[in-house]
Protein backbone atom coordinates (compact mmCIF):
# COMPACT_ATOMS: atom_id res chain seq x y z
CA MET A 1 322.05 273.91 165.04
CA GLU A 2 322.13 277.00 162.87
CA GLU A 3 320.16 279.98 164.29
CA GLU A 4 318.26 280.45 161.19
CA PHE A 5 316.64 276.97 161.47
CA ASP A 6 314.87 277.97 164.98
CA SER A 7 311.89 275.37 165.87
CA GLU A 8 309.31 277.87 166.61
CA ILE A 9 308.91 279.43 163.05
CA GLY A 10 306.28 277.99 161.11
CA ALA A 11 304.76 276.16 164.14
CA PRO A 12 301.32 275.35 162.96
CA ALA A 13 298.34 277.64 163.91
CA GLN A 14 296.54 276.40 167.10
CA SER A 15 292.75 275.90 166.97
CA ASP A 16 290.68 277.08 169.88
CA GLU A 17 290.60 273.20 170.55
CA VAL A 18 294.09 272.65 171.26
CA SER A 19 295.27 275.99 172.49
CA LEU A 20 292.91 276.81 175.44
CA ASP A 21 296.37 276.39 177.44
CA GLY A 22 298.54 278.60 179.58
CA LYS A 23 299.32 282.05 178.19
CA ARG A 24 297.22 281.71 175.32
CA ILE A 25 293.95 281.74 177.45
CA SER A 26 294.21 285.75 177.56
CA ALA A 27 293.78 285.99 174.04
CA LEU A 28 290.96 283.38 173.66
CA ARG A 29 288.85 284.95 176.31
CA LYS A 30 288.98 288.50 174.68
CA THR A 31 286.22 286.68 172.63
CA LYS A 32 284.96 283.74 174.49
CA GLU A 33 284.67 282.75 177.66
CA GLY A 34 285.35 279.44 177.44
CA PRO A 35 284.97 276.36 175.47
CA THR A 36 281.40 275.27 174.18
CA VAL A 37 281.57 271.55 174.50
CA SER A 38 278.04 270.48 174.59
CA ASN A 39 278.19 266.79 174.04
CA PHE A 40 280.54 264.83 176.37
CA THR A 41 282.19 261.33 175.48
CA ASN A 42 282.33 259.08 178.53
CA ILE A 43 285.78 257.42 178.51
CA GLU A 44 285.76 254.06 180.69
CA ASN A 45 289.36 253.16 180.53
CA VAL A 46 292.56 255.26 180.77
CA VAL A 47 295.72 253.92 179.33
CA ILE A 48 299.20 255.57 179.73
CA PHE A 49 302.67 255.43 178.11
CA GLY A 50 305.36 257.30 179.02
CA ASP A 51 308.55 257.48 180.90
CA SER A 52 309.77 258.31 184.43
CA MET A 53 307.25 261.22 184.89
CA SER A 54 304.46 258.98 184.79
CA ASP A 55 306.01 255.57 186.02
CA ILE A 56 304.00 253.84 189.10
CA GLY A 57 306.62 251.33 189.99
CA ARG A 58 307.73 249.36 186.75
CA LYS A 59 311.28 250.72 186.54
CA CYS A 60 312.11 249.74 190.39
CA THR A 61 311.17 246.13 189.81
CA THR A 62 313.46 245.70 186.65
CA PHE A 63 317.03 244.38 186.87
CA TRP A 64 318.40 247.89 185.59
CA GLY A 65 316.10 249.59 187.86
CA LYS A 66 317.42 247.68 191.07
CA LEU A 67 320.90 248.33 189.71
CA GLY A 68 320.22 251.97 188.99
CA MET A 69 318.96 252.31 192.57
CA TRP A 70 322.02 250.68 194.22
CA THR A 71 324.67 252.96 192.15
CA LYS A 72 322.54 255.61 193.29
CA GLN A 73 321.84 256.99 189.43
CA MET A 74 318.28 256.51 189.85
CA LEU A 75 316.40 257.84 192.77
CA VAL A 76 312.56 256.76 193.44
CA ASN A 77 310.63 256.77 196.28
CA GLU A 78 309.64 253.53 198.52
CA ALA A 79 306.34 253.40 196.36
CA GLY A 80 308.57 252.98 193.12
CA ARG A 81 307.41 256.82 191.85
CA PHE A 82 309.98 259.38 190.62
CA SER A 83 308.51 261.84 193.30
CA ASP A 84 308.32 262.36 196.98
CA GLY A 85 304.76 261.09 197.07
CA ARG A 86 302.11 260.47 193.76
CA ASN A 87 302.97 261.48 190.38
CA TRP A 88 300.44 263.00 188.02
CA SER A 89 298.84 259.81 187.15
CA ASP A 90 298.35 258.70 190.59
CA PHE A 91 296.77 262.29 191.03
CA LEU A 92 294.45 261.36 187.94
CA ILE A 93 293.17 257.86 188.79
CA GLN A 94 292.72 259.27 192.32
CA TRP A 95 290.40 261.89 191.45
CA ALA A 96 288.49 259.92 188.67
CA THR A 97 287.71 257.06 191.22
CA GLY A 98 288.19 257.99 194.73
CA HIS A 99 290.87 255.24 195.08
CA SER A 100 294.48 256.05 195.83
CA LEU A 101 297.10 253.94 194.59
CA LEU A 102 299.50 254.85 197.56
CA ARG A 103 297.86 253.06 200.36
CA GLN A 104 299.28 253.56 203.66
CA ASP A 105 302.93 252.07 203.17
CA ALA A 106 305.37 250.77 200.47
CA VAL A 107 303.99 247.35 200.95
CA GLN A 108 300.21 248.22 200.24
CA ALA A 109 301.19 250.84 197.61
CA MET A 110 303.51 248.46 195.40
CA SER A 111 300.90 245.57 196.01
CA THR A 112 298.10 248.00 194.46
CA SER A 113 300.24 249.49 191.73
CA ILE A 114 301.05 246.30 190.47
CA TRP A 115 297.52 245.56 188.89
CA HIS A 116 297.73 248.36 186.99
CA MET A 117 301.31 247.86 185.24
CA GLY A 118 299.39 245.98 182.45
CA ILE A 119 295.90 244.86 181.72
CA THR A 120 294.67 242.69 184.48
CA ALA A 121 291.84 241.13 186.37
CA ASN A 122 292.22 243.91 188.86
CA SER A 123 293.00 246.74 186.39
CA LYS A 124 289.33 248.16 186.98
CA LEU A 125 288.69 250.20 190.00
CA ARG A 126 284.77 251.28 191.36
CA VAL A 127 283.96 254.80 191.16
CA MET A 128 283.31 256.14 194.75
CA GLY A 129 280.93 259.10 195.43
CA TRP A 130 283.30 260.12 197.94
CA SER A 131 286.97 259.36 199.50
CA TRP A 132 289.02 259.54 202.13
CA ASP A 133 290.62 262.67 200.96
CA ASN A 134 287.88 264.32 200.38
CA ILE A 135 286.80 263.79 203.95
CA PHE A 136 289.82 265.39 205.07
CA GLU A 137 290.46 268.13 202.62
CA LYS A 138 287.86 270.28 204.39
CA GLU A 139 287.94 273.37 202.39
CA ARG A 140 286.94 271.28 199.58
CA GLN A 141 284.02 269.45 201.54
CA PRO A 142 281.22 271.38 201.59
CA HIS A 143 279.44 268.86 204.38
CA ARG A 144 281.42 267.11 207.05
CA GLY A 145 278.96 264.39 207.96
CA THR A 146 278.94 261.97 211.08
CA LEU A 147 281.76 259.87 209.31
CA TYR A 148 284.28 262.98 209.44
CA ASN A 149 283.46 263.80 212.85
CA ARG A 150 283.86 260.41 213.97
CA MET A 151 287.33 259.94 212.71
CA VAL A 152 288.32 263.65 214.22
CA ASP A 153 287.05 262.32 217.51
CA ILE A 154 289.35 259.16 217.10
CA LEU A 155 292.26 261.21 216.27
CA SER A 156 292.06 263.95 218.80
CA VAL A 157 295.03 265.67 217.45
CA ASN A 158 295.93 268.00 214.99
CA LEU A 159 297.53 266.29 211.92
CA ASN A 160 299.65 269.10 210.76
CA THR A 161 301.45 269.33 214.30
CA LYS A 162 303.79 266.86 215.50
CA PRO A 163 302.22 264.58 218.30
CA THR A 164 303.58 264.54 221.66
CA ASP A 165 302.25 261.50 223.21
CA ASP A 166 303.20 258.44 220.91
CA ASN A 167 300.82 255.94 222.65
CA ALA A 168 297.62 258.51 222.21
CA ILE A 169 298.55 258.68 218.28
CA ALA A 170 299.31 254.95 218.37
CA ASP A 171 295.95 254.29 219.98
CA SER A 172 293.90 256.73 217.51
CA LEU A 173 295.56 254.95 214.48
CA LYS A 174 294.27 251.48 215.81
CA GLN A 175 291.04 252.82 215.99
CA LEU A 176 291.21 254.27 212.40
CA ASP A 177 292.21 251.15 211.21
CA SER A 178 289.14 249.56 212.79
CA LEU A 179 286.97 252.45 211.42
CA LYS A 180 288.24 251.66 207.95
CA ALA A 181 288.11 247.72 208.30
CA ASN A 182 284.52 248.70 208.97
CA LEU A 183 284.14 251.02 205.98
CA ASP A 184 280.69 249.44 204.36
CA GLN A 185 278.87 249.61 207.84
CA VAL A 186 280.17 253.09 208.36
CA VAL A 187 279.02 254.39 205.16
CA GLU A 188 275.74 252.66 205.31
CA GLU A 189 275.11 254.36 208.57
CA ASP A 190 276.05 257.81 207.24
CA THR A 191 274.42 257.42 204.05
CA GLU A 192 271.84 260.45 204.48
CA GLU A 193 274.78 262.69 205.98
CA LEU A 194 277.61 262.38 203.26
CA PRO A 195 276.85 264.66 200.45
CA SER A 196 276.19 263.60 196.95
CA MET A 197 279.36 264.20 194.74
CA GLY A 198 277.34 265.08 191.58
CA THR A 199 278.80 262.56 189.22
CA SER A 200 276.51 260.28 187.04
CA ASN A 201 279.24 257.44 186.99
CA GLU A 202 279.32 256.52 190.74
CA GLY A 203 279.28 252.88 191.42
CA LYS A 204 280.63 252.21 187.89
CA MET A 205 283.69 250.33 187.01
CA VAL A 206 286.83 252.24 185.21
CA GLY A 207 290.15 250.85 183.71
CA PHE A 208 293.35 252.22 184.55
CA VAL A 209 296.50 250.79 183.00
CA ASN A 210 299.94 252.41 183.00
CA TYR A 211 302.88 251.08 180.98
CA ALA A 212 305.28 254.00 181.63
CA MET A 213 308.64 253.12 182.79
CA GLY A 214 311.56 255.39 184.00
CA GLY A 215 314.05 255.97 181.63
CA ALA A 216 311.73 255.35 178.16
CA LEU A 217 312.88 256.52 174.76
CA ALA A 218 310.40 257.54 172.16
CA ALA A 219 312.72 257.00 169.21
CA PRO A 220 312.88 252.86 168.73
CA PRO A 221 316.42 250.95 168.82
CA SER A 222 316.71 251.55 164.97
CA GLU A 223 317.03 255.16 165.32
CA TRP A 224 319.84 255.08 167.75
CA PRO A 225 323.60 254.46 167.22
CA THR A 226 324.81 251.11 167.27
CA THR A 227 328.41 249.80 168.61
CA SER A 228 329.78 250.31 165.51
CA ALA A 229 328.83 254.00 165.25
CA ASN A 230 329.13 254.65 169.04
CA THR A 231 332.55 253.73 170.77
CA ASP A 232 331.42 254.87 174.26
CA LEU A 233 330.52 251.62 175.83
CA MET A 234 328.57 252.99 178.53
CA SER A 235 326.52 255.21 176.48
CA TYR A 236 325.84 252.22 174.26
CA ILE A 237 324.97 250.30 177.66
CA THR A 238 322.76 253.12 178.83
CA THR A 239 320.70 253.36 175.21
CA PHE A 240 320.15 249.69 174.69
CA TYR A 241 319.84 248.21 178.16
CA ALA A 242 319.36 250.36 180.97
CA LEU A 243 316.65 252.28 179.27
CA SER A 244 313.59 251.03 177.41
CA PHE A 245 311.08 251.99 174.37
CA LEU A 246 307.63 253.41 173.72
CA ASP A 247 307.40 250.46 171.21
CA ASP A 248 307.88 248.11 174.19
CA GLN A 249 305.03 249.46 175.93
CA VAL A 250 302.93 249.59 172.79
CA ALA A 251 303.48 246.14 171.96
CA GLN A 252 302.61 245.12 175.55
CA TYR A 253 299.23 246.69 175.05
CA CYS A 254 298.42 245.35 171.83
CA THR A 255 299.39 241.78 172.97
CA GLU A 256 297.16 242.16 176.34
CA ILE A 257 294.24 243.60 174.69
CA GLU A 258 293.71 240.53 172.40
CA GLY A 259 293.87 238.54 175.79
CA PRO A 260 290.69 237.10 177.27
CA ILE A 261 291.04 239.84 180.23
CA GLY A 262 291.40 242.70 177.60
CA ARG A 263 288.39 241.47 175.51
CA GLU A 264 286.22 241.23 178.00
CA ASN A 265 287.15 244.20 180.39
CA PHE A 266 288.44 246.66 178.26
CA SER A 267 286.39 246.63 175.21
CA GLN A 268 284.96 250.23 176.09
CA PRO A 269 285.89 253.82 174.94
CA THR A 270 289.50 254.39 175.89
CA LEU A 271 291.71 257.41 176.56
CA PHE A 272 295.33 256.52 175.43
CA ILE A 273 297.57 259.30 176.84
CA ILE A 274 301.33 259.39 175.79
CA PHE A 275 303.65 261.58 177.72
CA ILE A 276 307.32 260.76 176.64
CA GLY A 277 310.50 262.07 174.92
CA LEU A 278 312.52 263.90 177.40
CA ASN A 279 314.90 260.94 177.99
CA ASP A 280 315.71 261.04 173.68
CA PHE A 281 317.42 264.45 174.45
CA ALA A 282 317.77 265.04 178.51
CA THR A 283 319.19 261.59 178.83
CA CYS A 284 320.53 260.14 175.86
CA LYS A 285 321.70 263.71 174.27
CA ARG A 286 319.96 263.01 170.56
CA VAL A 287 321.57 265.21 168.39
CA GLU A 288 319.59 268.06 166.57
CA TYR A 289 320.73 268.43 162.98
CA THR A 290 321.70 271.29 161.10
CA ARG A 291 320.46 272.80 157.79
CA ASP A 292 323.39 271.42 156.31
CA ALA A 293 323.42 267.89 157.55
CA TRP A 294 319.95 267.28 156.27
CA GLU A 295 319.91 268.77 153.11
CA GLY A 296 316.34 268.90 151.39
CA SER A 297 314.58 268.72 154.60
CA PRO A 298 311.55 270.89 155.62
CA LYS A 299 312.18 274.53 156.55
CA ASN A 300 310.00 274.10 159.88
CA TYR A 301 308.73 271.95 162.26
CA GLY A 302 305.09 273.01 161.69
CA ASP A 303 304.20 271.24 158.35
CA TYR A 304 304.29 267.55 159.44
CA GLY A 305 303.23 266.27 156.10
CA LYS A 306 306.41 267.62 154.41
CA TRP A 307 308.33 265.63 156.92
CA LEU A 308 306.74 262.34 156.64
CA ALA A 309 306.93 262.90 152.83
CA TRP A 310 310.59 263.59 153.21
CA LYS A 311 313.16 260.92 153.83
CA PRO A 312 316.41 261.64 155.53
CA PRO A 313 319.88 260.00 154.01
CA GLN A 314 320.34 256.51 155.90
CA GLU A 315 323.30 257.39 157.33
CA LYS A 316 321.67 260.14 159.09
CA THR A 317 318.67 258.31 160.79
CA ILE A 318 320.11 258.32 164.23
CA GLU A 319 320.12 261.95 164.54
CA GLY A 320 317.14 264.51 164.71
CA ILE A 321 313.96 265.47 166.57
CA PHE A 322 311.65 263.92 163.49
CA PRO A 323 312.08 260.24 164.56
CA SER A 324 311.36 260.82 168.05
CA VAL A 325 308.12 262.59 167.03
CA ASP A 326 307.24 259.84 164.24
CA ALA A 327 307.53 257.34 166.58
CA ILE A 328 304.60 258.62 168.43
CA ARG A 329 303.00 258.81 165.24
CA ARG A 330 303.35 254.94 164.76
CA ALA A 331 302.36 254.27 168.17
CA VAL A 332 299.31 255.99 167.75
CA GLU A 333 298.33 254.26 164.63
CA SER A 334 299.69 250.86 165.89
CA ILE A 335 297.29 251.14 169.30
CA GLU A 336 294.25 252.46 166.81
CA GLU A 337 294.51 248.89 165.15
CA LYS A 338 293.58 247.37 168.46
CA ALA A 339 291.48 249.77 170.28
CA PRO A 340 287.87 249.84 170.75
CA ALA A 341 285.57 251.95 168.67
CA GLY A 342 285.63 255.52 169.66
CA SER A 343 288.85 255.68 171.30
CA HIS A 344 290.90 258.89 171.83
CA TYR A 345 294.27 260.16 172.28
CA LEU A 346 296.10 262.81 174.44
CA LEU A 347 299.47 263.71 173.45
CA ILE A 348 301.34 265.61 176.23
CA ASP A 349 304.43 267.94 175.14
CA LEU A 350 307.51 268.43 177.32
CA PRO A 351 307.96 271.00 179.76
CA SER A 352 311.02 273.18 179.71
CA ASN A 353 314.16 272.11 181.30
CA ARG A 354 314.18 275.11 183.42
CA ASN A 355 311.54 273.58 185.66
CA ALA A 356 314.68 271.30 186.76
CA ILE A 357 317.23 272.55 189.06
CA ARG A 358 319.72 270.62 187.67
CA TYR A 359 319.90 273.02 184.74
CA VAL A 360 319.57 276.02 186.42
CA ASP A 361 322.65 278.08 186.63
CA GLY A 362 323.61 278.97 190.21
CA ILE A 363 321.56 276.56 191.95
CA SER A 364 322.39 273.31 190.18
CA THR A 365 324.81 271.39 191.93
CA ASP A 366 326.13 269.57 188.69
CA ARG A 367 327.87 271.99 186.33
CA GLN A 368 327.56 269.34 183.49
CA TYR A 369 323.90 269.84 183.30
CA VAL A 370 323.96 273.50 183.17
CA ALA A 371 326.73 273.31 180.47
CA GLN A 372 323.67 271.14 178.65
CA SER A 373 321.21 273.39 179.35
CA SER A 374 320.87 275.34 175.90
CA PHE A 375 321.21 272.00 173.89
CA VAL A 376 318.27 270.35 176.02
CA GLN A 377 315.98 273.52 175.72
CA SER A 378 316.43 273.70 171.94
CA SER A 379 315.62 270.26 171.56
CA ILE A 380 312.38 270.42 173.87
CA LYS A 381 311.09 273.46 171.63
CA SER A 382 311.53 271.54 168.65
CA PHE A 383 310.01 268.53 169.64
CA ASN A 384 307.05 270.62 171.02
CA ALA A 385 306.72 272.07 167.62
CA LEU A 386 306.54 269.11 165.73
CA LEU A 387 304.45 267.08 168.00
CA ALA A 388 301.99 270.31 167.37
CA GLY A 389 302.59 269.61 164.01
CA LEU A 390 301.86 265.82 164.07
CA VAL A 391 298.44 266.78 165.90
CA SER A 392 297.40 269.33 163.17
CA TYR A 393 298.07 267.15 160.26
CA TRP A 394 295.60 264.70 161.27
CA LYS A 395 293.20 267.12 162.17
CA ALA A 396 293.61 268.52 158.52
CA ASP A 397 293.08 265.17 157.12
CA VAL A 398 289.67 265.09 156.11
CA ASN A 399 289.82 261.28 155.47
CA SER A 400 291.65 260.72 158.90
CA GLY A 401 289.76 258.60 161.14
CA LEU A 402 291.76 260.03 164.19
CA ARG A 403 290.83 263.65 163.02
CA ASP A 404 288.68 264.35 165.59
CA ARG A 405 290.04 261.76 168.41
CA VAL A 406 293.69 262.82 168.60
CA HIS A 407 294.41 266.17 170.81
CA LEU A 408 297.07 268.16 172.34
CA CYS A 409 298.19 268.93 175.95
CA GLN A 410 300.52 271.73 176.16
CA MET A 411 302.14 270.91 179.55
CA SER A 412 304.98 273.02 178.34
CA MET A 413 302.83 276.35 178.33
CA MET A 414 301.20 275.41 181.79
CA MET A 415 304.59 274.77 183.48
CA ASP A 416 306.23 277.90 182.27
CA TYR A 417 303.12 279.87 183.58
CA VAL A 418 303.90 278.37 187.09
CA THR A 419 307.96 278.79 186.59
CA ASP A 420 307.03 282.31 185.83
CA ASP A 421 305.89 282.86 189.06
CA LEU A 422 306.43 280.01 191.90
CA SER A 423 304.88 282.05 194.57
CA ARG A 424 301.32 281.86 193.02
CA PHE A 425 301.42 278.43 194.03
CA LYS A 426 303.39 278.73 197.21
CA LEU A 427 306.54 276.86 195.58
CA ARG A 428 310.02 277.16 195.70
CA GLN A 429 312.72 277.18 193.40
CA GLU A 430 315.01 274.46 195.04
CA ALA A 431 315.34 270.89 195.22
CA GLN A 432 314.19 268.45 198.17
CA PRO A 433 317.32 267.68 200.65
CA PRO A 434 318.41 263.99 200.43
CA LYS A 435 317.24 261.67 202.94
CA GLU A 436 314.88 263.97 204.67
CA VAL A 437 311.69 263.81 202.75
CA PRO A 438 309.53 260.53 203.42
CA THR A 439 307.08 259.39 200.94
CA ASN A 440 303.89 260.95 201.32
CA TYR A 441 300.92 258.38 201.38
CA PRO A 442 297.64 260.18 201.30
CA GLU A 443 295.80 257.48 203.47
CA SER A 444 298.18 256.95 206.09
CA PHE A 445 296.78 259.90 208.33
CA ARG A 446 300.06 259.86 209.94
CA TRP A 447 301.97 263.38 210.84
CA ASP A 448 304.28 264.35 207.81
CA SER A 449 307.99 264.37 209.31
CA ALA A 450 309.44 266.27 206.54
CA PRO A 451 310.51 269.85 206.84
CA PRO A 452 307.50 271.97 205.90
CA GLN A 453 309.40 273.77 203.13
CA ALA A 454 310.63 270.33 201.59
CA ARG A 455 307.07 269.70 200.33
CA LYS A 456 307.32 273.12 198.24
CA ALA A 457 310.25 272.41 196.48
CA VAL A 458 309.87 272.05 192.78
CA ASN A 459 312.19 269.18 192.41
CA THR A 460 313.05 266.17 194.35
CA SER A 461 316.87 265.44 195.63
CA ASP A 462 317.74 264.26 191.96
CA GLU A 463 317.18 268.20 190.76
CA GLY A 464 315.38 266.76 187.76
CA HIS A 465 311.82 265.23 188.91
CA PRO A 466 308.92 267.22 190.11
CA THR A 467 307.42 266.80 193.50
CA GLU A 468 304.08 265.65 194.41
CA ALA A 469 302.94 269.35 194.65
CA VAL A 470 304.34 269.88 191.04
CA TYR A 471 302.72 266.75 189.77
CA GLU A 472 299.45 268.00 191.19
CA LEU A 473 299.22 271.09 189.13
CA MET A 474 300.15 268.69 186.10
CA ALA A 475 297.50 266.36 186.72
CA GLN A 476 294.95 269.26 187.00
CA TYR A 477 296.32 270.41 183.75
CA VAL A 478 295.71 266.94 181.98
CA VAL A 479 292.42 266.78 183.45
CA ASN A 480 291.38 270.47 181.88
CA SER A 481 292.83 269.00 178.81
CA MET A 482 290.45 266.18 178.66
CA LEU A 483 287.44 268.24 179.27
CA GLU A 484 288.32 270.76 177.05
CA ASN A 485 287.98 267.95 174.38
CA GLY A 486 284.72 266.86 175.44
CA LEU A 487 286.07 263.67 177.26
CA THR A 488 285.04 262.72 180.78
CA PHE A 489 286.61 259.90 183.05
CA GLY A 490 284.77 258.56 186.44
CA ARG A 491 284.15 261.58 188.75
CA LEU A 492 286.13 263.67 186.07
CA ASP A 493 283.07 265.41 184.34
CA GLU A 494 281.68 268.89 184.08
CA PHE A 495 279.70 268.63 187.25
CA TYR A 496 282.09 267.07 189.73
CA TRP A 497 285.57 268.41 188.52
CA PRO A 498 284.83 271.99 189.52
CA GLN A 499 284.27 270.98 193.06
CA LEU A 500 287.49 268.69 193.35
CA ALA A 501 290.27 270.88 191.31
CA PRO A 502 292.88 271.85 193.89
CA TYR A 503 293.39 275.31 192.33
CA LYS A 504 290.06 276.22 191.18
CA ASP A 505 291.15 280.16 190.00
CA ALA A 506 293.92 278.68 187.87
CA PRO A 507 293.98 280.06 184.43
CA TRP A 508 293.37 276.68 182.68
CA GLN A 509 290.53 275.53 185.12
CA PHE A 510 287.35 274.29 183.44
CA PRO A 511 285.00 275.63 183.02
CA TYR A 512 286.36 279.04 182.34
CA THR A 513 284.41 281.66 184.54
CA GLY A 514 286.89 284.41 185.18
CA PRO A 515 287.65 287.68 183.59
CA ALA A 516 289.42 288.18 180.18
CA GLN A 517 292.98 287.73 181.20
CA LEU A 518 295.03 285.39 183.25
CA VAL A 519 294.10 284.73 186.74
CA GLU A 520 296.73 284.39 189.53
CA PRO A 521 295.42 281.37 191.30
CA ASN A 522 293.81 282.33 195.07
CA VAL A 523 295.96 279.50 196.66
CA GLU A 524 294.99 279.86 200.14
CA SER A 525 291.00 280.03 199.78
CA THR A 526 291.32 276.61 197.74
CA ASP A 527 293.68 274.21 199.09
CA ILE A 528 294.90 273.93 202.43
CA ARG A 529 298.02 272.12 201.97
CA HIS A 530 299.68 274.92 200.19
CA GLU A 531 299.25 277.25 203.16
CA ASP A 532 302.53 278.75 204.75
CA GLU A 533 302.88 276.50 207.62
């Protein structure tokens, strides 16, 4: 890429609505303490499109997914996540409803998750006023009722230390299972003692569907090389068979929403979240063009209207950043034709590749990735600038029905803030050791046998995907982006979310109540799981 063709030059001016993110908060806080959202829109369904960072088990059920696991080219946990436990979408629905998709073991996790891989009769969940994670996270729980005390009595062990009596812990777990089996009775007995979580949506049904699949590409098949243009057979197989496309996920939604279950259960305002693009550049090495190769192309990525009006030479359509972003535009417009009235869209940009150990010189175990780091980073910056331009393009169009309903979540800024000083969140710049980190199930109540430092690593053993600890930060940022834009979902509203947020002092936390500068999170006082062991 020519040096003069900088993707950051000409990036669109960010409005307050889309720039209450990461490092830009410091400038905004000098003139305002926080967003002035007075009218919230209650979203009743969330539908996610994306790749491995959002996948809740779809990829591992496919032929190519199983082949990838067998050949060790794809690493997922036993619950099908590219994580050591939950990913960001798991946190989102757990916080919103009180229900975890990762139930006790792999069988329960997969059998629960499968109902949410498309629109099904069981894709709706009832919003709880409290949940098991609320009960045990005692630093977040202001009141410990009879239920909490009964569970502590049953366990009679410190869950953060290794149990010494196998019979005792086995008996405790049996009693816990019995207690959970009679949950309704226990709740009825403890109604007066359980705290009110302050959400008006308690008891309501909300929908959660996640079409994301590991390896998915944003740019459609027509924008990739064919066998005649690409003689590398393995690259061709990887692109067209092992991977899938955003178009496939959107087509599945458009079909299912018109079915009887879709029409009956998913006709309410929906938030569509699209988080995709990394595979286009990191996996398939989509080439970023030079100015000479694209004669007459716009001078920067910020003016999306000019990019939309400009047509590349036919023989060059398999290159460039624009086709990957424009695929997201087409996806939104296709969804909009079928979506319920009043639906919104949240487009998430891409975190820097410096958040992945495999690209970090001196730490990565694969020099091939280190050599590609500059190329991938340049492509990510270009993609993010053009995605921001797309959102601004819609917002500037007074005749667009999407003008006030498409929002940008700048995950790149948040992740850069985290990576700049991992110690703020008690994280370590390393990958987890292979085969030593079991899947973390939030409802299992079992002792975690993983080495204490392993849960604090930023990447799983593949050196590319985030760990549960990082996904939690990503999920918190997504929730705050929703609230910044006036969107509530289940328990995620302006009253309940401040009680539940794991890092209450994070500079992006909604609502903003801190001073006019970035605030380093006071981790030790907000989340017991991030304390040193």
